Amino acid sequence: MRDNDGIVQDLQSNFGEAIVAQQGTLDDVPTLWTTLEVTTDLQSGRYLAIGLNNEERTTYDFNVTLSKDDFSVASLRRSGTR
């Protein structure tokens, strides 16, 4: 893995240590993921928090092989719960 410590340290000093995580990749391309993204509507006082993945067992798996059928309406119905 390339030496990305400078980038990670810079981001952590600006945004906090917990908000930035470094993960190795198979192609050795520096990739940084944030653990939380918050969008705030200042007028209404509402917010949307995306990326709360600290309770997940694994991160994204980019090695999954998918087909067109995986994105059909029927596939969406099968993946849902009632």
N, C-alpha and C. Protein backbone atom coordinates (compact mmCIF):
# COMPACT_ATOMS: atom_id res chain seq x y z
N MET A 1 0.84 -1.18 0.00
CA MET A 1 0.00 0.00 0.00
C MET A 1 0.88 1.24 0.00
N ARG A 2 0.49 2.23 -0.76
CA ARG A 2 1.24 3.47 -0.81
C ARG A 2 1.19 4.18 0.52
N ASP A 3 2.12 5.10 0.72
CA ASP A 3 2.16 5.85 1.97
C ASP A 3 1.16 6.99 1.91
N ASN A 4 -0.01 6.76 2.47
CA ASN A 4 -1.09 7.75 2.47
C ASN A 4 -1.26 8.39 3.84
N ASP A 5 -0.31 8.15 4.74
CA ASP A 5 -0.46 8.63 6.10
C ASP A 5 -0.60 10.15 6.17
N GLY A 6 0.08 10.86 5.28
CA GLY A 6 -0.02 12.32 5.28
C GLY A 6 -1.43 12.80 4.97
N ILE A 7 -2.07 12.17 4.01
CA ILE A 7 -3.45 12.53 3.64
C ILE A 7 -4.39 12.20 4.79
N VAL A 8 -4.24 11.02 5.36
CA VAL A 8 -5.11 10.59 6.46
C VAL A 8 -4.93 11.51 7.66
N GLN A 9 -3.69 11.82 8.01
CA GLN A 9 -3.43 12.70 9.15
C GLN A 9 -4.01 14.09 8.92
N ASP A 10 -3.90 14.59 7.70
CA ASP A 10 -4.44 15.91 7.38
C ASP A 10 -5.96 15.92 7.54
N LEU A 11 -6.63 14.89 7.02
CA LEU A 11 -8.08 14.80 7.15
C LEU A 11 -8.50 14.63 8.61
N GLN A 12 -7.77 13.81 9.35
CA GLN A 12 -8.11 13.59 10.75
C GLN A 12 -7.91 14.86 11.58
N SER A 13 -6.90 15.64 11.25
CA SER A 13 -6.69 16.87 12.01
C SER A 13 -7.78 17.90 11.71
N ASN A 14 -8.34 17.85 10.49
CA ASN A 14 -9.40 18.80 10.13
C ASN A 14 -10.78 18.35 10.57
N PHE A 15 -11.05 17.04 10.54
CA PHE A 15 -12.40 16.55 10.78
C PHE A 15 -12.53 15.64 11.99
N GLY A 16 -11.46 15.34 12.65
CA GLY A 16 -11.51 14.46 13.81
C GLY A 16 -11.06 13.06 13.46
N GLU A 17 -10.45 12.41 14.43
CA GLU A 17 -9.86 11.10 14.19
C GLU A 17 -10.89 10.03 13.85
N ALA A 18 -12.07 10.11 14.45
CA ALA A 18 -13.08 9.06 14.27
C ALA A 18 -13.80 9.15 12.93
N ILE A 19 -13.75 10.29 12.26
CA ILE A 19 -14.55 10.47 11.05
C ILE A 19 -13.86 9.91 9.80
N VAL A 20 -12.56 9.66 9.86
CA VAL A 20 -11.82 9.21 8.68
C VAL A 20 -11.20 7.85 8.96
N ALA A 21 -11.44 6.89 8.07
CA ALA A 21 -10.85 5.56 8.20
C ALA A 21 -10.12 5.20 6.92
N GLN A 22 -8.99 4.54 7.04
CA GLN A 22 -8.22 4.12 5.88
C GLN A 22 -8.38 2.62 5.69
N GLN A 23 -8.59 2.21 4.42
CA GLN A 23 -8.80 0.80 4.12
C GLN A 23 -7.96 0.45 2.90
N GLY A 24 -7.25 -0.65 2.98
CA GLY A 24 -6.44 -1.10 1.86
C GLY A 24 -7.30 -1.60 0.71
N THR A 25 -6.80 -1.47 -0.51
CA THR A 25 -7.52 -1.93 -1.69
C THR A 25 -6.65 -2.89 -2.49
N LEU A 26 -7.28 -3.72 -3.29
CA LEU A 26 -6.52 -4.70 -4.09
C LEU A 26 -5.68 -4.03 -5.16
N ASP A 27 -6.13 -2.91 -5.70
CA ASP A 27 -5.39 -2.25 -6.77
C ASP A 27 -4.40 -1.21 -6.25
N ASP A 28 -4.26 -1.10 -4.95
CA ASP A 28 -3.29 -0.22 -4.31
C ASP A 28 -3.55 1.27 -4.60
N VAL A 29 -4.79 1.60 -4.92
CA VAL A 29 -5.16 2.99 -5.14
C VAL A 29 -5.64 3.56 -3.81
N PRO A 30 -5.10 4.71 -3.40
CA PRO A 30 -5.54 5.28 -2.13
C PRO A 30 -7.04 5.55 -2.14
N THR A 31 -7.75 5.01 -1.17
CA THR A 31 -9.19 5.18 -1.08
C THR A 31 -9.54 5.52 0.35
N LEU A 32 -10.25 6.62 0.53
CA LEU A 32 -10.67 7.03 1.86
C LEU A 32 -12.18 7.05 1.90
N TRP A 33 -12.74 6.53 2.99
CA TRP A 33 -14.18 6.50 3.19
C TRP A 33 -14.49 7.25 4.47
N THR A 34 -15.53 8.02 4.44
CA THR A 34 -15.96 8.66 5.68
C THR A 34 -17.01 7.76 6.32
N THR A 35 -17.05 7.75 7.63
CA THR A 35 -18.00 6.89 8.33
C THR A 35 -19.35 7.55 8.50
N LEU A 36 -19.43 8.85 8.29
CA LEU A 36 -20.70 9.54 8.49
C LEU A 36 -20.75 10.79 7.63
N GLU A 37 -21.87 11.00 7.00
CA GLU A 37 -22.11 12.23 6.23
C GLU A 37 -23.45 12.79 6.70
N VAL A 38 -23.46 14.06 7.06
CA VAL A 38 -24.67 14.69 7.56
C VAL A 38 -25.02 15.87 6.67
N THR A 39 -26.27 15.90 6.21
CA THR A 39 -26.80 17.02 5.45
C THR A 39 -27.85 17.69 6.32
N THR A 40 -27.70 19.02 6.51
CA THR A 40 -28.58 19.74 7.43
C THR A 40 -29.41 20.77 6.68
N ASP A 41 -30.70 20.80 6.96
CA ASP A 41 -31.59 21.84 6.45
C ASP A 41 -31.71 22.88 7.56
N LEU A 42 -31.01 24.01 7.41
CA LEU A 42 -30.96 25.00 8.47
C LEU A 42 -32.29 25.70 8.70
N GLN A 43 -33.09 25.82 7.66
CA GLN A 43 -34.37 26.52 7.82
C GLN A 43 -35.37 25.69 8.63
N SER A 44 -35.44 24.39 8.35
CA SER A 44 -36.42 23.56 9.06
C SER A 44 -35.83 22.89 10.30
N GLY A 45 -34.50 22.90 10.42
CA GLY A 45 -33.88 22.26 11.58
C GLY A 45 -33.79 20.76 11.48
N ARG A 46 -33.98 20.22 10.27
CA ARG A 46 -33.90 18.77 10.07
C ARG A 46 -32.52 18.40 9.53
N TYR A 47 -32.18 17.13 9.71
CA TYR A 47 -30.92 16.65 9.15
C TYR A 47 -31.07 15.21 8.68
N LEU A 48 -30.17 14.81 7.78
CA LEU A 48 -30.13 13.45 7.25
C LEU A 48 -28.73 12.91 7.47
N ALA A 49 -28.61 11.83 8.20
CA ALA A 49 -27.32 11.19 8.47
C ALA A 49 -27.20 9.94 7.61
N ILE A 50 -26.14 9.87 6.81
CA ILE A 50 -25.90 8.75 5.91
C ILE A 50 -24.55 8.13 6.23
N GLY A 51 -24.47 6.82 6.14
CA GLY A 51 -23.20 6.15 6.32
C GLY A 51 -22.95 5.68 7.74
N LEU A 52 -24.00 5.45 8.49
CA LEU A 52 -23.84 4.93 9.85
C LEU A 52 -23.54 3.44 9.77
N ASN A 53 -22.30 3.12 9.46
CA ASN A 53 -21.95 1.73 9.21
C ASN A 53 -21.13 1.12 10.34
N ASN A 54 -21.05 1.76 11.48
CA ASN A 54 -20.24 1.20 12.55
C ASN A 54 -20.87 -0.02 13.21
N GLU A 55 -22.12 -0.34 12.86
CA GLU A 55 -22.77 -1.53 13.40
C GLU A 55 -22.76 -2.68 12.40
N GLU A 56 -22.23 -2.45 11.20
CA GLU A 56 -22.17 -3.50 10.19
C GLU A 56 -20.96 -4.38 10.43
N ARG A 57 -21.09 -5.65 10.09
CA ARG A 57 -19.98 -6.59 10.29
C ARG A 57 -18.88 -6.41 9.25
N THR A 58 -19.25 -6.08 8.03
CA THR A 58 -18.25 -5.91 6.97
C THR A 58 -18.52 -4.62 6.22
N THR A 59 -17.52 -4.18 5.50
CA THR A 59 -17.69 -3.01 4.65
C THR A 59 -18.19 -3.47 3.28
N TYR A 60 -18.18 -2.60 2.33
CA TYR A 60 -18.66 -2.94 0.99
C TYR A 60 -17.82 -4.03 0.35
N ASP A 61 -18.46 -4.92 -0.39
CA ASP A 61 -17.77 -5.98 -1.11
C ASP A 61 -17.86 -5.68 -2.60
N PHE A 62 -16.76 -5.25 -3.19
CA PHE A 62 -16.74 -4.89 -4.60
C PHE A 62 -16.49 -6.08 -5.51
N ASN A 63 -16.32 -7.26 -4.96
CA ASN A 63 -16.05 -8.45 -5.76
C ASN A 63 -17.31 -9.24 -6.09
N VAL A 64 -18.48 -8.71 -5.77
CA VAL A 64 -19.74 -9.40 -6.04
C VAL A 64 -20.04 -9.32 -7.53
N THR A 65 -20.45 -10.44 -8.11
CA THR A 65 -20.83 -10.48 -9.52
C THR A 65 -22.34 -10.34 -9.62
N LEU A 66 -22.82 -9.33 -10.33
CA LEU A 66 -24.24 -9.06 -10.46
C LEU A 66 -24.66 -9.13 -11.92
N SER A 67 -25.95 -9.36 -12.14
CA SER A 67 -26.50 -9.37 -13.50
C SER A 67 -27.64 -8.36 -13.58
N LYS A 68 -28.19 -8.17 -14.77
CA LYS A 68 -29.32 -7.26 -14.94
C LYS A 68 -30.51 -7.69 -14.09
N ASP A 69 -30.69 -8.99 -13.92
CA ASP A 69 -31.81 -9.50 -13.14
C ASP A 69 -31.75 -9.08 -11.67
N ASP A 70 -30.55 -8.78 -11.16
CA ASP A 70 -30.41 -8.34 -9.78
C ASP A 70 -31.01 -6.96 -9.55
N PHE A 71 -31.28 -6.22 -10.63
CA PHE A 71 -31.80 -4.87 -10.52
C PHE A 71 -33.22 -4.75 -11.05
N SER A 72 -33.93 -5.86 -11.13
CA SER A 72 -35.31 -5.85 -11.62
C SER A 72 -36.28 -5.54 -10.49
N VAL A 73 -37.51 -5.23 -10.84
CA VAL A 73 -38.56 -4.98 -9.85
C VAL A 73 -38.79 -6.22 -9.00
N ALA A 74 -38.78 -7.39 -9.64
CA ALA A 74 -39.00 -8.64 -8.91
C ALA A 74 -37.88 -8.88 -7.88
N SER A 75 -36.66 -8.56 -8.24
CA SER A 75 -35.56 -8.72 -7.31
C SER A 75 -35.71 -7.79 -6.12
N LEU A 76 -36.16 -6.58 -6.37
CA LEU A 76 -36.40 -5.63 -5.27
C LEU A 76 -37.49 -6.13 -4.34
N ARG A 77 -38.55 -6.70 -4.92
CA ARG A 77 -39.62 -7.26 -4.09
C ARG A 77 -39.12 -8.40 -3.22
N ARG A 78 -38.29 -9.28 -3.80
CA ARG A 78 -37.77 -10.42 -3.06
C ARG A 78 -36.87 -9.98 -1.89
N SER A 79 -36.16 -8.89 -2.06
CA SER A 79 -35.24 -8.45 -1.01
C SER A 79 -35.94 -7.70 0.11
N GLY A 80 -37.18 -7.28 -0.11
CA GLY A 80 -37.91 -6.53 0.90
C GLY A 80 -38.50 -7.42 1.97
N THR A 81 -38.88 -6.79 3.07
CA THR A 81 -39.53 -7.51 4.16
C THR A 81 -40.88 -6.87 4.45
N ARG A 82 -41.80 -7.67 5.00
CA ARG A 82 -43.12 -7.13 5.35
C ARG A 82 -43.29 -7.13 6.84
